[in-house]
Amino acid sequence: MKLMRIRIAGDTRLAMIDEDGGLRDATAVAGDITAATLAAGALDRLALADPAALPVIEADHTILPCVGGVGKFMCIGLNYSDHAAEMGMDLPSHPTLFLKANSAIAGARDDIVMPRGSTRVDWEVELGVVIGKPAKYVDEAQAMEHVAGFCVVNDLSERDFQMNLGGQWTKGKSPDGFGPIGPWLVTRDAVPDPRNLDLSVTVNGRCVQSGNTGTMIFGVAQIVSHLSQLMTLHPGDIIATGTPPGVGVGQNPPVFLKPGDIVETAITGLGVQRMRVRQDA
């Protein structure tokens, strides 16, 4: 099941993508996809709905982040063996965790806005995991039962802010709009093997990053289980699971985004983000 949150004439609507790629209005079935509705069983109600019986959406719309009311936006660093190699860093023995501010969350067609003074904005395509029910001290064998589904995440990063302003990575990871999620939330049952998904980024039509989740050091179940030992994971929480090789800072010489660039971020079966880069006023 593929779900998308959209805005039509100022109203948030929940769309289900049908077999032909059309949009069907599922708002009457589940209201929305948020932390609260996930906790209240929205996906169970949607699973019983017949997309063909739902109203067709034809109106112009804006694509919203695929989950609303996100509680925590967690990110795993250096989780691809080939990415660690390009960065010249040792493989971690445990998942490396940092948090991204929720104010970084954006939709899949929003602009990437470079902050004032920014010159080193980088891309990072990542498999996003959406938590569907509370997880605390969960064993790896049961971890996937707590996953609602998956989405595309671009863990955009301002490398100068990240590396040269002191403190942790959060400074470079959290400018406004630096965490687009979506366009779709794809439910767990529709992604049979999250360890075999192709990921890519193109800039102005040129592929700059590509990889496969098969080179992840820690899989989704391992990550969910590990994090649940440290804190309770709640419905609507997002986990970005790391990026494959090909980030701009890892190229020789490094390459960064500039105003006017068109960035497309894609994962097999999870949709494509298409965003234009512009400089903040």
C-alpha atoms as a PDB file:
ATOM      1  CA  MET A   1       0.000   0.000   0.000  1.00  0.00           C
ATOM      2  CA  LYS A   2       1.326   3.411  -1.030  1.00  0.00           C
ATOM      3  CA  LEU A   3       0.030   6.455   0.819  1.00  0.00           C
ATOM      4  CA  MET A   4       0.625  10.137   0.231  1.00  0.00           C
ATOM      5  CA  ARG A   5      -0.363  13.197   2.226  1.00  0.00           C
ATOM      6  CA  ILE A   6      -1.363  16.133   0.025  1.00  0.00           C
ATOM      7  CA  ARG A   7      -2.867  19.588   0.378  1.00  0.00           C
ATOM      8  CA  ILE A   8      -5.767  20.739  -1.774  1.00  0.00           C
ATOM      9  CA  ALA A   9      -7.067  24.290  -1.378  1.00  0.00           C
ATOM     10  CA  GLY A  10      -5.595  24.518   2.112  1.00  0.00           C
ATOM     11  CA  ASP A  11      -6.947  21.152   3.321  1.00  0.00           C
ATOM     12  CA  THR A  12      -4.811  18.107   4.112  1.00  0.00           C
ATOM     13  CA  ARG A  13      -6.020  14.993   2.303  1.00  0.00           C
ATOM     14  CA  LEU A  14      -4.824  11.399   2.486  1.00  0.00           C
ATOM     15  CA  ALA A  15      -4.285   9.772  -0.892  1.00  0.00           C
ATOM     16  CA  MET A  16      -3.916   6.073  -1.658  1.00  0.00           C
ATOM     17  CA  ILE A  17      -2.113   5.228  -4.887  1.00  0.00           C
ATOM     18  CA  ASP A  18      -4.108   2.736  -6.955  1.00  0.00           C
ATOM     19  CA  GLU A  19      -2.789   0.049  -9.323  1.00  0.00           C
ATOM     20  CA  ASP A  20      -2.671   2.516 -12.226  1.00  0.00           C
ATOM     21  CA  GLY A  21      -0.750   5.125 -10.240  1.00  0.00           C
ATOM     22  CA  GLY A  22      -3.806   7.308  -9.727  1.00  0.00           C
ATOM     23  CA  LEU A  23      -4.701   9.029  -6.486  1.00  0.00           C
ATOM     24  CA  ARG A  24      -7.714   7.937  -4.445  1.00  0.00           C
ATOM     25  CA  ASP A  25      -9.053   9.955  -1.533  1.00  0.00           C
ATOM     26  CA  ALA A  26      -8.736   7.846   1.643  1.00  0.00           C
ATOM     27  CA  THR A  27      -9.324  10.717   4.072  1.00  0.00           C
ATOM     28  CA  ALA A  28     -12.722   9.346   5.117  1.00  0.00           C
ATOM     29  CA  VAL A  29     -11.109   6.005   5.995  1.00  0.00           C
ATOM     30  CA  ALA A  30      -8.186   7.130   8.150  1.00  0.00           C
ATOM     31  CA  GLY A  31      -8.225  10.924   8.271  1.00  0.00           C
ATOM     32  CA  ASP A  32      -4.474  11.400   7.920  1.00  0.00           C
ATOM     33  CA  ILE A  33      -1.162   9.638   8.499  1.00  0.00           C
ATOM     34  CA  THR A  34       0.287  11.126  11.661  1.00  0.00           C
ATOM     35  CA  ALA A  35       1.825   9.856  14.865  1.00  0.00           C
ATOM     36  CA  ALA A  36      -1.647   9.894  16.436  1.00  0.00           C
ATOM     37  CA  THR A  37      -3.483   8.092  13.631  1.00  0.00           C
ATOM     38  CA  LEU A  38      -0.785   5.429  13.295  1.00  0.00           C
ATOM     39  CA  ALA A  39      -1.147   4.745  17.017  1.00  0.00           C
ATOM     40  CA  ALA A  40      -4.911   4.528  16.548  1.00  0.00           C
ATOM     41  CA  GLY A  41      -4.725   1.838  13.850  1.00  0.00           C
ATOM     42  CA  ALA A  42      -4.996   3.912  10.671  1.00  0.00           C
ATOM     43  CA  LEU A  43      -3.070   1.383   8.585  1.00  0.00           C
ATOM     44  CA  ASP A  44      -5.330  -1.464   9.675  1.00  0.00           C
ATOM     45  CA  ARG A  45      -8.385   0.492   8.487  1.00  0.00           C
ATOM     46  CA  LEU A  46      -6.709   1.417   5.221  1.00  0.00           C
ATOM     47  CA  ALA A  47      -5.732  -2.207   4.573  1.00  0.00           C
ATOM     48  CA  LEU A  48      -9.439  -3.100   4.485  1.00  0.00           C
ATOM     49  CA  ALA A  49     -10.309  -0.366   1.990  1.00  0.00           C
ATOM     50  CA  ASP A  50     -10.806  -1.058  -1.709  1.00  0.00           C
ATOM     51  CA  PRO A  51      -8.871   1.643  -3.599  1.00  0.00           C
ATOM     52  CA  ALA A  52     -11.191   1.308  -6.592  1.00  0.00           C
ATOM     53  CA  ALA A  53     -14.142   2.306  -4.391  1.00  0.00           C
ATOM     54  CA  LEU A  54     -12.489   5.499  -3.159  1.00  0.00           C
ATOM     55  CA  PRO A  55     -13.031   8.888  -4.867  1.00  0.00           C
ATOM     56  CA  VAL A  56     -10.534   9.828  -7.561  1.00  0.00           C
ATOM     57  CA  ILE A  57      -8.369  12.875  -6.834  1.00  0.00           C
ATOM     58  CA  GLU A  58      -7.839  15.039  -9.902  1.00  0.00           C
ATOM     59  CA  ALA A  59      -7.387  18.474  -8.351  1.00  0.00           C
ATOM     60  CA  ASP A  60      -4.050  20.253  -8.285  1.00  0.00           C
ATOM     61  CA  HIS A  61      -2.274  19.490  -5.046  1.00  0.00           C
ATOM     62  CA  THR A  62       0.859  20.040  -2.996  1.00  0.00           C
ATOM     63  CA  ILE A  63       2.780  17.014  -1.722  1.00  0.00           C
ATOM     64  CA  LEU A  64       3.265  17.081   2.047  1.00  0.00           C
ATOM     65  CA  PRO A  65       5.736  15.097   4.181  1.00  0.00           C
ATOM     66  CA  CYS A  66       4.489  11.503   4.117  1.00  0.00           C
ATOM     67  CA  VAL A  67       4.021  11.445   7.932  1.00  0.00           C
ATOM     68  CA  GLY A  68       2.721  14.292  10.070  1.00  0.00           C
ATOM     69  CA  GLY A  69       3.338  14.993  13.730  1.00  0.00           C
ATOM     70  CA  VAL A  70       6.714  13.225  13.772  1.00  0.00           C
ATOM     71  CA  GLY A  71       8.048  12.838  17.314  1.00  0.00           C
ATOM     72  CA  LYS A  72      11.694  11.885  16.698  1.00  0.00           C
ATOM     73  CA  PHE A  73      13.807  12.129  13.545  1.00  0.00           C
ATOM     74  CA  MET A  74      16.710   9.733  14.121  1.00  0.00           C
ATOM     75  CA  CYS A  75      19.598   9.150  11.733  1.00  0.00           C
ATOM     76  CA  ILE A  76      22.182   6.397  11.481  1.00  0.00           C
ATOM     77  CA  GLY A  77      25.636   7.451  10.294  1.00  0.00           C
ATOM     78  CA  LEU A  78      28.233   5.363   8.435  1.00  0.00           C
ATOM     79  CA  ASN A  79      25.884   2.431   7.904  1.00  0.00           C
ATOM     80  CA  TYR A  80      27.100   1.389   4.448  1.00  0.00           C
ATOM     81  CA  SER A  81      30.427  -0.393   4.185  1.00  0.00           C
ATOM     82  CA  ASP A  82      31.210   1.185   0.801  1.00  0.00           C
ATOM     83  CA  HIS A  83      30.350   4.680   2.086  1.00  0.00           C
ATOM     84  CA  ALA A  84      32.626   4.226   5.115  1.00  0.00           C
ATOM     85  CA  ALA A  85      35.373   3.210   2.697  1.00  0.00           C
ATOM     86  CA  GLU A  86      34.971   6.349   0.542  1.00  0.00           C
ATOM     87  CA  MET A  87      35.149   8.489   3.687  1.00  0.00           C
ATOM     88  CA  GLY A  88      38.227   6.601   4.959  1.00  0.00           C
ATOM     89  CA  MET A  89      36.512   5.685   8.241  1.00  0.00           C
ATOM     90  CA  ASP A  90      36.441   2.463  10.224  1.00  0.00           C
ATOM     91  CA  LEU A  91      33.243   0.400  10.337  1.00  0.00           C
ATOM     92  CA  PRO A  92      31.236   1.067  13.505  1.00  0.00           C
ATOM     93  CA  SER A  93      30.655  -1.746  15.996  1.00  0.00           C
ATOM     94  CA  HIS A  94      27.228  -0.334  16.904  1.00  0.00           C
ATOM     95  CA  PRO A  95      24.821   1.894  14.939  1.00  0.00           C
ATOM     96  CA  THR A  96      26.017   5.494  15.053  1.00  0.00           C
ATOM     97  CA  LEU A  97      23.082   7.689  16.075  1.00  0.00           C
ATOM     98  CA  PHE A  98      22.423  11.398  15.697  1.00  0.00           C
ATOM     99  CA  LEU A  99      19.189  13.383  15.703  1.00  0.00           C
ATOM    100  CA  LYS A 100      17.899  15.744  13.058  1.00  0.00           C
ATOM    101  CA  ALA A 101      15.602  18.597  14.091  1.00  0.00           C
ATOM    102  CA  ASN A 102      11.936  18.026  13.220  1.00  0.00           C
ATOM    103  CA  SER A 103      11.874  21.518  11.703  1.00  0.00           C
ATOM    104  CA  ALA A 104      14.053  20.062   8.932  1.00  0.00           C
ATOM    105  CA  ILE A 105      11.157  17.898   7.699  1.00  0.00           C
ATOM    106  CA  ALA A 106       9.908  18.858   4.245  1.00  0.00           C
ATOM    107  CA  GLY A 107       7.858  17.500   1.378  1.00  0.00           C
ATOM    108  CA  ALA A 108       9.220  15.756  -1.693  1.00  0.00           C
ATOM    109  CA  ARG A 109       8.665  18.737  -4.017  1.00  0.00           C
ATOM    110  CA  ASP A 110       9.687  21.564  -1.689  1.00  0.00           C
ATOM    111  CA  ASP A 111      12.707  23.724  -2.485  1.00  0.00           C
ATOM    112  CA  ILE A 112      16.069  22.999  -0.883  1.00  0.00           C
ATOM    113  CA  VAL A 113      16.861  26.351   0.699  1.00  0.00           C
ATOM    114  CA  MET A 114      20.547  27.022   1.317  1.00  0.00           C
ATOM    115  CA  PRO A 115      20.957  28.949   4.604  1.00  0.00           C
ATOM    116  CA  ARG A 116      22.742  32.278   4.712  1.00  0.00           C
ATOM    117  CA  GLY A 117      26.478  31.767   4.444  1.00  0.00           C
ATOM    118  CA  SER A 118      26.066  28.228   3.142  1.00  0.00           C
ATOM    119  CA  THR A 119      28.375  26.979   0.367  1.00  0.00           C
ATOM    120  CA  ARG A 120      28.724  23.219   1.041  1.00  0.00           C
ATOM    121  CA  VAL A 121      25.261  21.655   0.866  1.00  0.00           C
ATOM    122  CA  ASP A 122      25.481  17.914   0.205  1.00  0.00           C
ATOM    123  CA  TRP A 123      23.007  15.145  -0.639  1.00  0.00           C
ATOM    124  CA  GLU A 124      22.479  11.788   1.104  1.00  0.00           C
ATOM    125  CA  VAL A 125      19.795   9.398  -0.130  1.00  0.00           C
ATOM    126  CA  GLU A 126      18.601   7.141   2.690  1.00  0.00           C
ATOM    127  CA  LEU A 127      15.989   4.471   3.352  1.00  0.00           C
ATOM    128  CA  GLY A 128      13.561   5.916   5.883  1.00  0.00           C
ATOM    129  CA  VAL A 129      11.815   3.670   8.420  1.00  0.00           C
ATOM    130  CA  VAL A 130       8.495   4.796   9.923  1.00  0.00           C
ATOM    131  CA  ILE A 131       7.632   3.342  13.324  1.00  0.00           C
ATOM    132  CA  GLY A 132       4.052   2.071  13.549  1.00  0.00           C
ATOM    133  CA  LYS A 133       3.669   0.986  17.159  1.00  0.00           C
ATOM    134  CA  PRO A 134       5.632   1.562  20.379  1.00  0.00           C
ATOM    135  CA  ALA A 135       8.915  -0.317  20.648  1.00  0.00           C
ATOM    136  CA  LYS A 136      10.799  -0.695  23.933  1.00  0.00           C
ATOM    137  CA  TYR A 137      13.384  -3.418  24.597  1.00  0.00           C
ATOM    138  CA  VAL A 138      12.350  -5.179  21.383  1.00  0.00           C
ATOM    139  CA  ASP A 139      14.260  -8.257  20.213  1.00  0.00           C
ATOM    140  CA  GLU A 140      15.585  -8.235  16.677  1.00  0.00           C
ATOM    141  CA  ALA A 141      13.237 -11.091  15.753  1.00  0.00           C
ATOM    142  CA  GLN A 142      10.190  -8.962  16.608  1.00  0.00           C
ATOM    143  CA  ALA A 143      11.521  -5.585  15.502  1.00  0.00           C
ATOM    144  CA  MET A 144       9.841  -5.488  12.086  1.00  0.00           C
ATOM    145  CA  GLU A 145       6.429  -5.878  13.722  1.00  0.00           C
ATOM    146  CA  HIS A 146       6.897  -2.318  14.995  1.00  0.00           C
ATOM    147  CA  VAL A 147       7.576  -0.860  11.536  1.00  0.00           C
ATOM    148  CA  ALA A 148       4.683   0.806   9.706  1.00  0.00           C
ATOM    149  CA  GLY A 149       6.548   1.216   6.449  1.00  0.00           C
ATOM    150  CA  PHE A 150       9.288   2.922   4.486  1.00  0.00           C
ATOM    151  CA  CYS A 151       9.975   6.153   2.636  1.00  0.00           C
ATOM    152  CA  VAL A 152      12.665   8.068   0.792  1.00  0.00           C
ATOM    153  CA  VAL A 153      14.756  10.420   2.949  1.00  0.00           C
ATOM    154  CA  ASN A 154      17.349  12.912   1.747  1.00  0.00           C
ATOM    155  CA  ASP A 155      19.600  13.621   4.733  1.00  0.00           C
ATOM    156  CA  LEU A 156      20.751  16.945   3.346  1.00  0.00           C
ATOM    157  CA  SER A 157      23.878  18.217   5.072  1.00  0.00           C
ATOM    158  CA  GLU A 158      25.700  21.555   5.227  1.00  0.00           C
ATOM    159  CA  ARG A 159      29.241  20.220   5.579  1.00  0.00           C
ATOM    160  CA  ASP A 160      30.834  23.450   6.826  1.00  0.00           C
ATOM    161  CA  PHE A 161      28.183  23.780   9.553  1.00  0.00           C
ATOM    162  CA  GLN A 162      28.611  20.080  10.344  1.00  0.00           C
ATOM    163  CA  MET A 163      32.392  19.963  10.528  1.00  0.00           C
ATOM    164  CA  ASN A 164      33.640  23.438  11.405  1.00  0.00           C
ATOM    165  CA  LEU A 165      31.174  25.064  13.805  1.00  0.00           C
ATOM    166  CA  GLY A 166      31.939  22.868  16.818  1.00  0.00           C
ATOM    167  CA  GLY A 167      29.539  20.531  18.588  1.00  0.00           C
ATOM    168  CA  GLN A 168      27.889  17.518  17.025  1.00  0.00           C
ATOM    169  CA  TRP A 169      26.681  16.799  13.480  1.00  0.00           C
ATOM    170  CA  THR A 170      23.246  18.252  14.259  1.00  0.00           C
ATOM    171  CA  LYS A 171      24.280  21.776  13.223  1.00  0.00           C
ATOM    172  CA  GLY A 172      24.892  20.717   9.639  1.00  0.00           C
ATOM    173  CA  LYS A 173      21.952  18.332   9.469  1.00  0.00           C
ATOM    174  CA  SER A 174      19.136  20.539  10.735  1.00  0.00           C
ATOM    175  CA  PRO A 175      18.711  23.673   8.616  1.00  0.00           C
ATOM    176  CA  ASP A 176      15.076  24.245   7.677  1.00  0.00           C
ATOM    177  CA  GLY A 177      13.911  21.780   5.032  1.00  0.00           C
ATOM    178  CA  PHE A 178      17.035  19.593   5.192  1.00  0.00           C
ATOM    179  CA  GLY A 179      15.036  16.412   5.867  1.00  0.00           C
ATOM    180  CA  PRO A 180      12.515  15.799   3.053  1.00  0.00           C
ATOM    181  CA  ILE A 181      10.513  12.571   3.555  1.00  0.00           C
ATOM    182  CA  GLY A 182       8.297  10.890   0.968  1.00  0.00           C
ATOM    183  CA  PRO A 183       6.616  11.303  -1.452  1.00  0.00           C
ATOM    184  CA  TRP A 184       5.012   8.074  -0.255  1.00  0.00           C
ATOM    185  CA  LEU A 185       4.740   6.018   2.872  1.00  0.00           C
ATOM    186  CA  VAL A 186       4.947   2.456   1.545  1.00  0.00           C
ATOM    187  CA  THR A 187       3.656  -0.067   4.065  1.00  0.00           C
ATOM    188  CA  ARG A 188       5.913  -2.846   5.315  1.00  0.00           C
ATOM    189  CA  ASP A 189       4.019  -5.600   3.482  1.00  0.00           C
ATOM    190  CA  ALA A 190       4.686  -3.877   0.144  1.00  0.00           C
ATOM    191  CA  VAL A 191       8.485  -3.923   0.652  1.00  0.00           C
ATOM    192  CA  PRO A 192       9.341  -7.633   0.792  1.00  0.00           C
ATOM    193  CA  ASP A 193      13.110  -7.161   1.120  1.00  0.00           C
ATOM    194  CA  PRO A 194      14.396  -3.852   2.532  1.00  0.00           C
ATOM    195  CA  ARG A 195      17.937  -5.244   2.127  1.00  0.00           C
ATOM    196  CA  ASN A 196      17.637  -5.204  -1.672  1.00  0.00           C
ATOM    197  CA  LEU A 197      16.602  -1.707  -2.710  1.00  0.00           C
ATOM    198  CA  ASP A 198      18.462   0.510  -5.175  1.00  0.00           C
ATOM    199  CA  LEU A 199      19.051   4.106  -4.080  1.00  0.00           C
ATOM    200  CA  SER A 200      20.152   7.045  -6.231  1.00  0.00           C
ATOM    201  CA  VAL A 201      20.590  10.792  -6.458  1.00  0.00           C
ATOM    202  CA  THR A 202      20.785  12.772  -9.684  1.00  0.00           C
ATOM    203  CA  VAL A 203      21.699  16.447  -9.947  1.00  0.00           C
ATOM    204  CA  ASN A 204      20.590  18.183 -13.160  1.00  0.00           C
ATOM    205  CA  GLY A 205      20.020  14.754 -14.712  1.00  0.00           C
ATOM    206  CA  ARG A 206      23.481  13.367 -13.880  1.00  0.00           C
ATOM    207  CA  CYS A 207      23.679  10.446 -11.450  1.00  0.00           C
ATOM    208  CA  VAL A 208      25.937  11.451  -8.577  1.00  0.00           C
ATOM    209  CA  GLN A 209      25.105   8.748  -6.015  1.00  0.00           C
ATOM    210  CA  SER A 210      23.935   5.173  -6.299  1.00  0.00           C
ATOM    211  CA  GLY A 211      23.953   2.101  -4.131  1.00  0.00           C
ATOM    212  CA  ASN A 212      21.934  -0.752  -2.739  1.00  0.00           C
ATOM    213  CA  THR A 213      20.695  -1.399   0.778  1.00  0.00           C
ATOM    214  CA  GLY A 214      22.423  -4.768   0.571  1.00  0.00           C
ATOM    215  CA  THR A 215      25.656  -3.089   1.688  1.00  0.00           C
ATOM    216  CA  MET A 216      24.109  -1.761   4.904  1.00  0.00           C
ATOM    217  CA  ILE A 217      26.168  -2.775   7.932  1.00  0.00           C
ATOM    218  CA  PHE A 218      23.139  -2.843  10.240  1.00  0.00           C
ATOM    219  CA  GLY A 219      19.779  -3.877   8.801  1.00  0.00           C
ATOM    220  CA  VAL A 220      16.418  -2.371   9.677  1.00  0.00           C
ATOM    221  CA  ALA A 221      15.581  -4.964  12.327  1.00  0.00           C
ATOM    222  CA  GLN A 222      18.997  -4.536  13.974  1.00  0.00           C
ATOM    223  CA  ILE A 223      18.609  -0.753  14.055  1.00  0.00           C
ATOM    224  CA  VAL A 224      15.054  -0.791  15.452  1.00  0.00           C
ATOM    225  CA  SER A 225      16.006  -3.320  18.113  1.00  0.00           C
ATOM    226  CA  HIS A 226      19.163  -1.423  19.092  1.00  0.00           C
ATOM    227  CA  LEU A 227      17.428   1.946  19.384  1.00  0.00           C
ATOM    228  CA  SER A 228      14.582   0.420  21.381  1.00  0.00           C
ATOM    229  CA  GLN A 229      17.082  -0.612  24.045  1.00  0.00           C
ATOM    230  CA  LEU A 230      18.042   3.050  24.461  1.00  0.00           C
ATOM    231  CA  MET A 231      14.685   4.836  24.219  1.00  0.00           C
ATOM    232  CA  THR A 232      11.053   4.092  23.459  1.00  0.00           C
ATOM    233  CA  LEU A 233      10.258   4.382  19.766  1.00  0.00           C
ATOM    234  CA  HIS A 234       6.796   5.829  19.153  1.00  0.00           C
ATOM    235  CA  PRO A 235       4.393   5.692  16.194  1.00  0.00           C
ATOM    236  CA  GLY A 236       5.382   8.289  13.635  1.00  0.00           C
ATOM    237  CA  ASP A 237       9.059   8.335  14.587  1.00  0.00           C
ATOM    238  CA  ILE A 238      11.374   8.358  11.560  1.00  0.00           C
ATOM    239  CA  ILE A 239      14.707   6.551  11.287  1.00  0.00           C
ATOM    240  CA  ALA A 240      17.010   7.430   8.371  1.00  0.00           C
ATOM    241  CA  THR A 241      19.212   4.360   7.999  1.00  0.00           C
ATOM    242  CA  GLY A 242      22.379   5.750   6.395  1.00  0.00           C
ATOM    243  CA  THR A 243      23.637   6.549   2.924  1.00  0.00           C
ATOM    244  CA  PRO A 244      25.605   4.624   0.256  1.00  0.00           C
ATOM    245  CA  PRO A 245      28.749   5.975  -1.451  1.00  0.00           C
ATOM    246  CA  GLY A 246      28.655   8.991  -3.737  1.00  0.00           C
ATOM    247  CA  VAL A 247      28.080  11.935  -1.402  1.00  0.00           C
ATOM    248  CA  GLY A 248      29.488  15.212  -2.655  1.00  0.00           C
ATOM    249  CA  VAL A 249      32.058  15.639   0.098  1.00  0.00           C
ATOM    250  CA  GLY A 250      33.527  12.222  -0.748  1.00  0.00           C
ATOM    251  CA  GLN A 251      34.261  13.095  -4.381  1.00  0.00           C
ATOM    252  CA  ASN A 252      37.641  14.320  -5.635  1.00  0.00           C
ATOM    253  CA  PRO A 253      37.390  17.254  -5.721  1.00  0.00           C
ATOM    254  CA  PRO A 254      34.309  17.636  -3.492  1.00  0.00           C
ATOM    255  CA  VAL A 255      31.110  18.741  -5.243  1.00  0.00           C
ATOM    256  CA  PHE A 256      28.268  20.624  -3.578  1.00  0.00           C
ATOM    257  CA  LEU A 257      24.832  21.867  -4.563  1.00  0.00           C
ATOM    258  CA  LYS A 258      24.304  25.376  -5.898  1.00  0.00           C
ATOM    259  CA  PRO A 259      21.239  27.543  -6.516  1.00  0.00           C
ATOM    260  CA  GLY A 260      19.248  26.406  -9.546  1.00  0.00           C
ATOM    261  CA  ASP A 261      20.251  22.740  -9.290  1.00  0.00           C
ATOM    262  CA  ILE A 262      17.499  20.126  -9.655  1.00  0.00           C
ATOM    263  CA  VAL A 263      17.969  17.213  -7.248  1.00  0.00           C
ATOM    264  CA  GLU A 264      16.139  13.914  -7.695  1.00  0.00           C
ATOM    265  CA  THR A 265      16.345  11.364  -4.867  1.00  0.00           C
ATOM    266  CA  ALA A 266      14.913   7.885  -5.501  1.00  0.00           C
ATOM    267  CA  ILE A 267      14.583   4.419  -3.972  1.00  0.00           C
ATOM    268  CA  THR A 268      13.146   1.393  -5.772  1.00  0.00           C
ATOM    269  CA  GLY A 269       9.381   1.251  -5.205  1.00  0.00           C
ATOM    270  CA  LEU A 270       9.326   4.193  -2.775  1.00  0.00           C
ATOM    271  CA  GLY A 271       9.055   7.063  -5.237  1.00  0.00           C
ATOM    272  CA  VAL A 272      11.152  10.035  -6.303  1.00  0.00           C
ATOM    273  CA  GLN A 273      11.768  13.380  -4.648  1.00  0.00           C
ATOM    274  CA  ARG A 274      12.325  16.273  -7.051  1.00  0.00           C
ATOM    275  CA  MET A 275      13.580  19.496  -5.497  1.00  0.00           C
ATOM    276  CA  ARG A 276      15.077  22.765  -6.724  1.00  0.00           C
ATOM    277  CA  VAL A 277      17.944  24.407  -4.834  1.00  0.00           C
ATOM    278  CA  ARG A 278      17.701  28.093  -3.987  1.00  0.00           C
ATOM    279  CA  GLN A 279      19.554  30.499  -1.711  1.00  0.00           C
ATOM    280  CA  ASP A 280      17.798  31.889   1.351  1.00  0.00           C
ATOM    281  CA  ALA A 281      17.199  35.623   1.252  1.00  0.00           C
END
